[in-house]
Protein backbone atom coordinates (compact mmCIF):
# COMPACT_ATOMS: atom_id res chain seq x y z
CA MET A 1 -2.10 12.47 -40.23
CA GLU A 2 -0.55 12.65 -36.61
CA ARG A 3 -0.01 8.89 -35.34
CA LEU A 4 0.62 7.34 -32.65
CA ALA A 5 3.99 6.80 -30.78
CA ASN A 6 5.50 3.34 -30.87
CA LYS A 7 5.86 2.77 -27.02
CA PRO A 8 4.06 -0.76 -27.18
CA LEU A 9 5.62 -2.53 -24.13
CA ILE A 10 4.35 1.15 -21.90
CA LEU A 11 1.01 0.77 -23.30
CA LEU A 12 0.80 -3.00 -22.41
CA CYS A 13 2.12 -2.62 -18.80
CA ALA A 14 0.00 0.41 -18.31
CA ALA A 15 -3.19 -1.75 -19.87
CA LEU A 16 -2.90 -4.16 -17.11
CA PRO A 17 -4.25 -2.16 -14.37
CA LEU A 18 -6.78 -0.65 -16.39
CA GLY A 19 -9.43 -4.27 -16.23
CA PHE A 20 -6.82 -6.95 -17.03
CA VAL A 21 -6.12 -8.60 -13.96
CA PRO A 22 -7.31 -11.91 -13.43
CA LEU A 23 -10.52 -12.78 -11.35
CA ALA A 24 -9.87 -13.66 -8.04
CA SER A 25 -11.00 -17.89 -7.62
CA ALA A 26 -13.88 -18.92 -6.06
CA GLN A 27 -13.42 -22.28 -5.78
CA ASP A 28 -12.59 -22.14 -2.03
CA ALA A 29 -14.62 -23.68 0.61
CA SER A 30 -15.09 -20.27 2.28
CA THR A 31 -16.03 -17.24 0.20
CA GLY A 32 -14.46 -15.01 2.81
CA PRO A 33 -11.17 -14.36 1.57
CA ALA A 34 -12.41 -14.49 -2.61
CA LEU A 35 -14.79 -11.55 -1.37
CA GLU A 36 -11.44 -9.83 -0.13
CA ALA A 37 -9.73 -10.35 -3.43
CA CYS A 38 -12.73 -9.01 -5.07
CA VAL A 39 -12.57 -5.47 -3.32
CA ALA A 40 -8.85 -5.02 -4.37
CA ILE A 41 -10.50 -5.02 -8.01
CA GLU A 42 -10.48 -1.40 -9.60
CA THR A 43 -12.59 -2.29 -12.48
CA ALA A 44 -16.23 -2.26 -12.19
CA ALA A 45 -17.43 -5.10 -14.57
CA ASP A 46 -14.50 -7.63 -13.49
CA ARG A 47 -15.39 -6.80 -9.83
CA LEU A 48 -18.95 -7.41 -10.11
CA ALA A 49 -18.13 -10.43 -12.14
CA CYS A 50 -15.72 -11.52 -9.03
CA TYR A 51 -18.49 -11.22 -6.69
CA ASP A 52 -20.64 -13.20 -8.75
CA ARG A 53 -18.09 -16.21 -8.64
CA ALA A 54 -17.57 -16.06 -5.11
CA MET A 55 -21.03 -16.16 -3.82
CA GLN A 56 -21.54 -18.70 -6.72
CA ARG A 57 -24.25 -16.81 -8.44
CA THR A 58 -26.17 -18.14 -11.61
CA ALA A 59 -25.84 -16.34 -14.99
CA PRO A 60 -29.13 -15.12 -15.96
CA ASP A 61 -30.59 -17.49 -18.94
CA PRO A 62 -31.18 -15.30 -22.23
CA THR A 63 -33.73 -17.82 -23.12
CA ASP A 64 -35.98 -16.63 -20.29
CA ALA A 65 -35.61 -13.22 -21.04
CA ASP A 66 -36.06 -13.52 -24.95
CA LEU A 67 -39.68 -15.60 -23.62
CA ALA A 68 -40.43 -12.90 -21.25
CA ALA A 69 -39.65 -10.12 -23.77
CA ALA A 70 -42.15 -12.34 -26.29
CA ARG A 71 -44.85 -12.20 -24.04
CA ALA A 72 -44.17 -8.52 -23.09
CA ARG A 73 -44.99 -7.77 -27.07
CA GLU A 74 -47.87 -10.17 -27.31
CA GLY A 75 -49.55 -8.61 -24.24
CA ALA A 76 -48.82 -4.86 -25.60
CA ARG A 77 -50.55 -5.92 -29.42
CA ALA A 78 -53.57 -7.36 -27.71
CA THR A 79 -53.74 -4.52 -25.59
CA GLU A 80 -53.72 -2.62 -28.88
CA ALA A 81 -55.72 -4.40 -30.49
CA GLU A 82 -58.78 -4.16 -28.01
CA ALA A 83 -58.55 -0.35 -27.76
CA GLY A 84 -58.35 -0.24 -31.60
CA ARG A 85 -55.25 1.79 -31.64
CA PRO A 86 -51.81 2.21 -29.38
CA ARG A 87 -52.39 3.92 -25.86
CA GLU A 88 -52.51 7.84 -26.16
CA GLY A 89 -49.06 9.12 -25.93
CA ASP A 90 -47.23 6.19 -26.04
CA THR A 91 -44.47 6.80 -28.62
CA SER A 92 -42.09 3.62 -27.43
CA SER A 93 -41.01 1.08 -29.58
CA ASP A 94 -39.01 -2.26 -29.07
CA MET A 95 -35.36 -0.07 -29.87
CA PHE A 96 -36.60 2.43 -27.32
CA PRO A 97 -38.49 0.84 -24.44
CA HIS A 98 -40.11 2.77 -21.33
CA ASP A 99 -40.38 1.77 -17.80
CA ASP A 100 -43.33 0.52 -17.60
CA ASP A 101 -42.92 -3.40 -16.87
CA PRO A 102 -43.81 -4.90 -20.80
CA ARG A 103 -41.42 -2.27 -21.53
CA ARG A 104 -38.66 -3.55 -19.20
CA ALA A 105 -39.13 -7.37 -19.97
CA LEU A 106 -38.33 -5.98 -23.94
CA ALA A 107 -35.49 -3.94 -22.51
CA ASN A 108 -33.98 -7.41 -21.08
CA ALA A 109 -34.23 -9.42 -24.41
CA GLY A 110 -31.19 -11.20 -24.36
CA ARG A 111 -29.87 -10.38 -20.85
CA GLY A 112 -27.16 -13.02 -20.11
CA SER A 113 -26.22 -13.97 -23.87
CA LEU A 114 -22.41 -13.81 -24.92
CA LEU A 115 -22.76 -10.39 -27.23
CA ASP A 116 -24.85 -9.07 -23.76
CA GLY A 117 -21.95 -10.01 -21.79
CA ARG A 118 -19.99 -8.20 -24.06
CA TRP A 119 -21.48 -4.68 -24.82
CA GLU A 120 -24.47 -4.85 -21.82
CA LEU A 121 -27.15 -4.62 -24.16
CA ALA A 122 -29.61 -5.25 -21.81
CA ARG A 123 -31.26 -2.62 -19.49
CA ASP A 124 -30.36 -4.40 -16.23
CA SER A 125 -26.87 -5.16 -17.55
CA LYS A 126 -25.73 -1.67 -17.94
CA LEU A 127 -22.97 -1.13 -15.82
CA GLY A 128 -22.23 2.70 -16.39
CA THR A 129 -19.44 4.97 -18.05
CA PHE A 130 -16.09 4.93 -18.24
CA ASN A 131 -15.39 0.80 -16.61
CA MET A 132 -12.92 -0.55 -18.72
CA ARG A 133 -13.77 -3.77 -20.28
CA ALA A 134 -12.62 -5.95 -22.76
CA TYR A 135 -12.42 -6.11 -26.30
CA LYS A 136 -10.58 -8.45 -28.80
CA PRO A 137 -8.52 -10.71 -27.11
CA VAL A 138 -5.44 -9.63 -25.39
CA TYR A 139 -2.37 -12.59 -25.51
CA LEU A 140 1.29 -12.64 -25.90
CA LEU A 141 2.78 -15.47 -28.91
CA PRO A 142 6.25 -15.73 -27.95
CA ALA A 143 6.56 -17.68 -30.94
CA PHE A 144 5.10 -16.24 -34.39
CA TRP A 145 6.37 -18.17 -37.36
CA SER A 146 5.54 -16.82 -40.75
CA SER A 147 5.88 -18.96 -43.98
CA SER A 148 6.65 -16.02 -46.11
CA PRO A 149 8.71 -13.00 -44.32
CA ASN A 150 7.63 -9.60 -46.09
CA ARG A 151 11.33 -8.62 -46.89
CA ASN A 152 9.76 -6.39 -49.84
CA PRO A 153 7.45 -4.29 -48.23
CA THR A 154 6.07 -1.45 -50.70
CA SER A 155 6.77 1.69 -50.69
CA SER A 156 4.25 4.01 -49.63
CA ILE A 157 5.87 7.10 -51.83
CA ASP A 158 6.28 5.30 -55.25
CA GLY A 159 4.99 1.78 -54.87
CA GLN A 160 8.15 0.17 -55.65
CA ALA A 161 9.76 -2.55 -53.26
CA LEU A 162 11.87 -1.81 -50.79
CA GLN A 163 14.44 -3.99 -49.38
CA MET A 164 14.15 -5.71 -46.27
CA ASP A 165 16.53 -8.83 -46.12
CA ASP A 166 17.39 -8.71 -42.08
CA ILE A 167 13.92 -9.72 -41.27
CA ASP A 168 13.88 -13.23 -39.65
CA ASP A 169 10.86 -15.79 -40.19
CA VAL A 170 10.25 -16.55 -36.65
CA GLU A 171 8.90 -13.04 -34.33
CA THR A 172 6.85 -12.21 -30.86
CA LYS A 173 3.84 -11.12 -31.72
CA PHE A 174 1.63 -9.48 -28.89
CA GLN A 175 -1.82 -7.89 -28.68
CA ILE A 176 -3.65 -5.46 -26.25
CA SER A 177 -7.60 -3.86 -26.42
CA PHE A 178 -10.07 -3.07 -24.56
CA LYS A 179 -12.97 -0.33 -24.55
CA THR A 180 -15.21 1.94 -22.45
CA LYS A 181 -18.79 3.39 -22.59
CA ALA A 182 -18.65 6.98 -22.62
CA VAL A 183 -22.06 7.80 -23.40
CA GLU A 184 -25.24 5.20 -21.40
CA ASN A 185 -28.90 5.10 -22.64
CA LEU A 186 -28.70 8.01 -25.33
CA PHE A 187 -32.09 7.33 -26.42
CA GLY A 188 -34.44 6.30 -23.89
CA ASP A 189 -32.91 3.26 -22.64
CA ASN A 190 -30.59 2.32 -25.63
CA GLY A 191 -28.09 3.54 -27.99
CA ASP A 192 -24.69 3.62 -25.73
CA ILE A 193 -21.32 5.31 -27.39
CA TRP A 194 -18.33 3.09 -26.70
CA MET A 195 -14.54 3.73 -27.50
CA GLY A 196 -12.22 1.13 -28.16
CA TYR A 197 -8.14 0.66 -28.55
CA THR A 198 -6.77 -2.15 -29.81
CA GLN A 199 -2.62 -2.76 -30.19
CA SER A 200 -0.80 -5.48 -31.95
CA SER A 201 2.89 -5.32 -32.32
CA ARG A 202 5.28 -7.77 -34.21
CA TRP A 203 8.33 -8.27 -32.72
CA GLN A 204 12.18 -9.34 -33.73
CA VAL A 205 13.45 -10.74 -30.59
CA TYR A 206 15.33 -13.39 -31.36
CA ASN A 207 17.22 -11.09 -34.51
CA SER A 208 20.07 -10.43 -32.15
CA GLU A 209 21.91 -8.96 -35.07
CA ASN A 210 19.47 -6.29 -35.63
CA SER A 211 18.92 -5.50 -32.37
CA ARG A 212 15.79 -7.59 -31.72
CA PRO A 213 13.51 -4.05 -33.49
CA PHE A 214 10.05 -3.87 -33.46
CA ARG A 215 9.27 -4.71 -36.74
CA GLU A 216 5.37 -3.63 -37.20
CA THR A 217 3.14 -1.75 -34.46
CA ASN A 218 -0.09 -1.24 -35.41
CA TYR A 219 -2.59 1.13 -33.50
CA GLU A 220 -6.67 1.27 -34.03
CA PRO A 221 -8.80 3.39 -31.89
CA GLU A 222 -12.54 3.90 -32.89
CA VAL A 223 -15.62 5.28 -31.33
CA LEU A 224 -19.15 2.93 -31.87
CA LEU A 225 -22.62 3.88 -31.50
CA VAL A 226 -24.31 0.42 -30.11
CA PHE A 227 -27.85 -0.27 -30.15
CA ARG A 228 -29.78 -3.28 -28.15
CA ASN A 229 -31.49 -5.32 -31.20
CA ASN A 230 -34.33 -8.02 -30.72
CA TYR A 231 -35.30 -10.18 -33.77
CA SER A 232 -34.86 -13.92 -34.88
CA ILE A 233 -33.48 -15.18 -38.10
CA GLY A 234 -32.96 -18.51 -39.13
CA GLY A 235 -32.43 -19.92 -35.27
CA TRP A 236 -30.18 -16.44 -34.09
CA LYS A 237 -31.06 -13.97 -31.94
CA GLY A 238 -30.11 -10.24 -33.58
CA ARG A 239 -28.67 -8.70 -30.60
CA MET A 240 -27.07 -5.34 -31.60
CA ALA A 241 -26.19 -2.98 -34.18
CA ALA A 242 -23.83 -0.31 -34.23
CA VAL A 243 -22.18 2.42 -36.48
CA GLY A 244 -18.73 4.20 -35.84
CA ILE A 245 -15.55 5.76 -36.92
CA ASN A 246 -12.30 3.34 -37.30
CA HIS A 247 -8.64 4.61 -37.66
CA GLN A 248 -6.01 1.97 -38.29
CA SER A 249 -2.40 2.97 -38.75
CA ASN A 250 1.26 1.83 -38.03
CA GLY A 251 2.73 5.24 -36.68
CA ARG A 252 5.73 4.95 -39.62
CA PRO A 253 6.86 7.95 -41.69
CA ASP A 254 7.51 7.34 -45.40
CA PRO A 255 7.87 5.28 -47.48
CA LEU A 256 6.72 2.52 -44.60
CA SER A 257 3.74 4.29 -43.59
CA ARG A 258 0.37 3.01 -43.57
CA SER A 259 -3.41 4.37 -42.47
CA TRP A 260 -6.88 4.53 -43.31
CA ASN A 261 -10.22 5.63 -41.48
CA ARG A 262 -13.18 3.81 -41.99
CA ILE A 263 -16.75 3.96 -41.29
CA MET A 264 -17.91 0.74 -39.44
CA PHE A 265 -21.00 -1.10 -39.07
CA ASN A 266 -21.53 -3.98 -37.02
CA VAL A 267 -24.56 -6.76 -36.73
CA GLY A 268 -24.21 -9.30 -33.83
CA LEU A 269 -26.03 -11.74 -33.53
CA ASP A 270 -25.82 -14.84 -31.04
CA ARG A 271 -27.40 -18.57 -30.00
CA GLU A 272 -26.36 -20.17 -26.84
CA ASP A 273 -22.80 -20.84 -26.94
CA TRP A 274 -22.13 -19.24 -30.45
CA ALA A 275 -22.07 -15.48 -31.23
CA ILE A 276 -21.33 -14.09 -34.94
CA MET A 277 -20.54 -10.37 -36.05
CA PHE A 278 -20.54 -9.33 -39.06
CA ARG A 279 -18.56 -6.08 -39.99
CA PRO A 280 -19.09 -4.39 -43.54
CA TRP A 281 -17.14 -0.86 -43.75
CA ILE A 282 -16.68 2.00 -45.99
CA ARG A 283 -13.21 3.83 -46.34
CA ILE A 284 -12.77 7.51 -45.75
CA SER A 285 -10.87 8.81 -49.06
CA ASP A 286 -7.70 10.42 -48.14
CA GLY A 287 -7.33 12.38 -51.36
CA ASP A 288 -4.23 12.68 -53.03
CA ASP A 289 -2.22 11.93 -49.49
CA ASP A 290 -3.25 8.19 -50.10
CA ASP A 291 -0.53 5.87 -48.10
CA ASN A 292 -1.46 3.05 -49.36
CA PRO A 293 -3.66 3.23 -52.30
CA GLY A 294 -5.97 -0.10 -53.04
CA ILE A 295 -5.68 -1.28 -49.74
CA GLU A 296 -9.22 -2.19 -49.66
CA ASP A 297 -8.49 -4.86 -52.54
CA TYR A 298 -6.11 -6.42 -49.75
CA LEU A 299 -7.60 -5.87 -46.24
CA GLY A 300 -10.81 -6.08 -47.87
CA ARG A 301 -14.22 -4.29 -47.44
CA GLY A 302 -15.76 -6.20 -44.26
CA ASP A 303 -15.38 -9.35 -42.11
CA VAL A 304 -17.22 -11.58 -40.24
CA THR A 305 -16.08 -13.42 -37.27
CA LEU A 306 -17.78 -16.72 -35.33
CA VAL A 307 -16.93 -17.19 -31.75
CA HIS A 308 -18.13 -20.91 -30.20
CA THR A 309 -17.32 -21.00 -26.51
CA ARG A 310 -17.25 -24.87 -24.98
CA GLY A 311 -16.58 -25.29 -21.03
CA ASP A 312 -13.32 -22.46 -20.49
CA GLN A 313 -12.32 -23.13 -24.06
CA THR A 314 -13.03 -20.32 -26.76
CA PHE A 315 -12.51 -20.94 -30.79
CA ALA A 316 -13.33 -18.20 -33.00
CA LEU A 317 -12.90 -17.72 -37.27
CA MET A 318 -12.66 -14.72 -38.45
CA ALA A 319 -13.21 -14.20 -43.10
CA ARG A 320 -12.45 -11.42 -44.68
CA HIS A 321 -12.27 -10.32 -48.32
CA SER A 322 -12.34 -7.92 -50.85
CA LEU A 323 -15.69 -8.22 -52.44
CA ARG A 324 -14.31 -7.93 -55.76
CA GLY A 325 -12.99 -10.45 -58.57
CA GLY A 326 -10.62 -11.25 -60.94
CA ASP A 327 -6.94 -9.51 -60.05
CA ARG A 328 -8.53 -7.56 -57.19
CA SER A 329 -9.78 -10.59 -55.33
CA HIS A 330 -7.87 -11.17 -52.18
CA GLY A 331 -8.93 -11.94 -48.37
CA ALA A 332 -7.79 -13.56 -45.33
CA LEU A 333 -8.74 -16.34 -42.80
CA GLN A 334 -7.55 -16.13 -38.75
CA PHE A 335 -8.47 -19.27 -36.25
CA ASP A 336 -8.16 -18.73 -32.88
CA TRP A 337 -7.89 -21.30 -29.78
CA GLY A 338 -8.15 -20.16 -26.05
CA PHE A 339 -8.11 -22.75 -23.49
CA PRO A 340 -7.11 -22.85 -19.57
CA ILE A 341 -3.45 -23.97 -18.49
CA SER A 342 -4.17 -22.47 -15.20
CA SER A 343 -6.82 -20.62 -13.09
CA HIS A 344 -5.42 -17.19 -14.24
CA LEU A 345 -4.10 -17.80 -17.88
CA HIS A 346 -5.23 -19.41 -20.96
CA GLY A 347 -3.01 -20.98 -23.60
CA HIS A 348 -3.53 -19.30 -26.87
CA LEU A 349 -2.58 -20.73 -30.78
CA GLN A 350 -3.30 -18.65 -34.24
CA LEU A 351 -3.01 -19.30 -36.84
CA PHE A 352 -3.64 -16.91 -40.27
CA SER A 353 -3.44 -17.67 -44.00
CA GLY A 354 -3.88 -14.53 -46.64
CA TYR A 355 -3.24 -11.28 -47.16
CA GLY A 356 -2.67 -7.89 -44.49
CA GLU A 357 -1.73 -9.90 -41.40
CA SER A 358 -0.55 -6.74 -40.38
CA MET A 359 -0.91 -3.48 -41.91
CA LEU A 360 2.73 -3.18 -43.54
CA ASP A 361 2.06 -5.93 -45.29
CA TYR A 362 -1.48 -5.78 -46.32
CA ASP A 363 -0.64 -6.66 -49.92
CA HIS A 364 1.75 -9.51 -48.96
CA LYS A 365 0.37 -12.90 -48.73
CA ALA A 366 1.67 -15.64 -46.24
CA THR A 367 0.37 -17.73 -43.53
CA TYR A 368 1.35 -17.36 -39.92
CA VAL A 369 1.42 -19.63 -36.83
CA GLY A 370 1.80 -18.11 -33.40
CA PHE A 371 1.22 -19.62 -29.79
CA GLY A 372 1.30 -18.23 -26.60
CA ILE A 373 -0.73 -17.20 -23.52
CA SER A 374 -4.06 -15.26 -23.02
CA VAL A 375 -4.86 -13.36 -19.93
CA LEU A 376 -8.21 -13.06 -19.88
CA ASP A 377 -11.38 -14.59 -21.47
CA TRP A 378 -13.18 -13.15 -24.80
CA PHE A 379 -16.55 -14.20 -23.87
């Protein structure tokens, strides 16, 4: 399988002007300079957010949108009950609402919620196609420490241990991640196709004796078909469901090659300042040409991420597991904390423990601690 070239610094620099320019401050007494700064922002979604901040516009309350959707649903049911049957020619549903007022209210359920802000789920939240948006966190961790550097990675040829003794236990890690909507409203006013890309690199920048090499870079392009949902379960609001194809590789030749392909399923719910995303997946077999057999027993068959926002701070906890017992039981936990350190930057703390911090280390267990900065908010 053809793999991406290892050009992390070039991609990092190229990604910043696409959509990772910090938003202009709206704290000034006059909105004039703030509005002028907004004009210079290329990305439509970020430019709109800048205008909202400058004009001190209040974000829509998802509770109000949910109540309006509930009233519209009850009204539609009452109308159908009076008629004894659905309105003639009405083939709409909660998933694919039409343009009349009740349908519009249903289509705007959850507007202003955390997941709506990330995926433009509500009808009036949609911003069109090919606007670069945040996906996973974008960060630079100058100090990324490992309790047990993987000096004996598994060979992708014969499964034997390789020797990499010249690895430091402190390196630098950075990640870029963005997504863009390629198709909007594929089914009525629901069903969007998103394309995403994430790249993370581990750089032995302090290893001067070994010419400061990039130890590992992982590339992850994916395509998702995302649907808006509107249901309640245990106080949580079901906001979205998605299915897609995900490729992940490290772009290296044998014996250090790593790659796999997955069919991904996403189920997202939120409530107030909380969001949770369930992601089970199915690996697509590589047949006899398998760079890393049994990778799903280490990198897992699914993960769940819980996010909480508190003011300008964001807390995220990810857990994944192989969903197998005995010798095949492996998993990992990752905690991320983002907190403001200036008007444009956030501090970022990352803790990881378990298997598969990177693809090269998919069958290696260690604990990692990283500290640095994030250049944009997650939610």
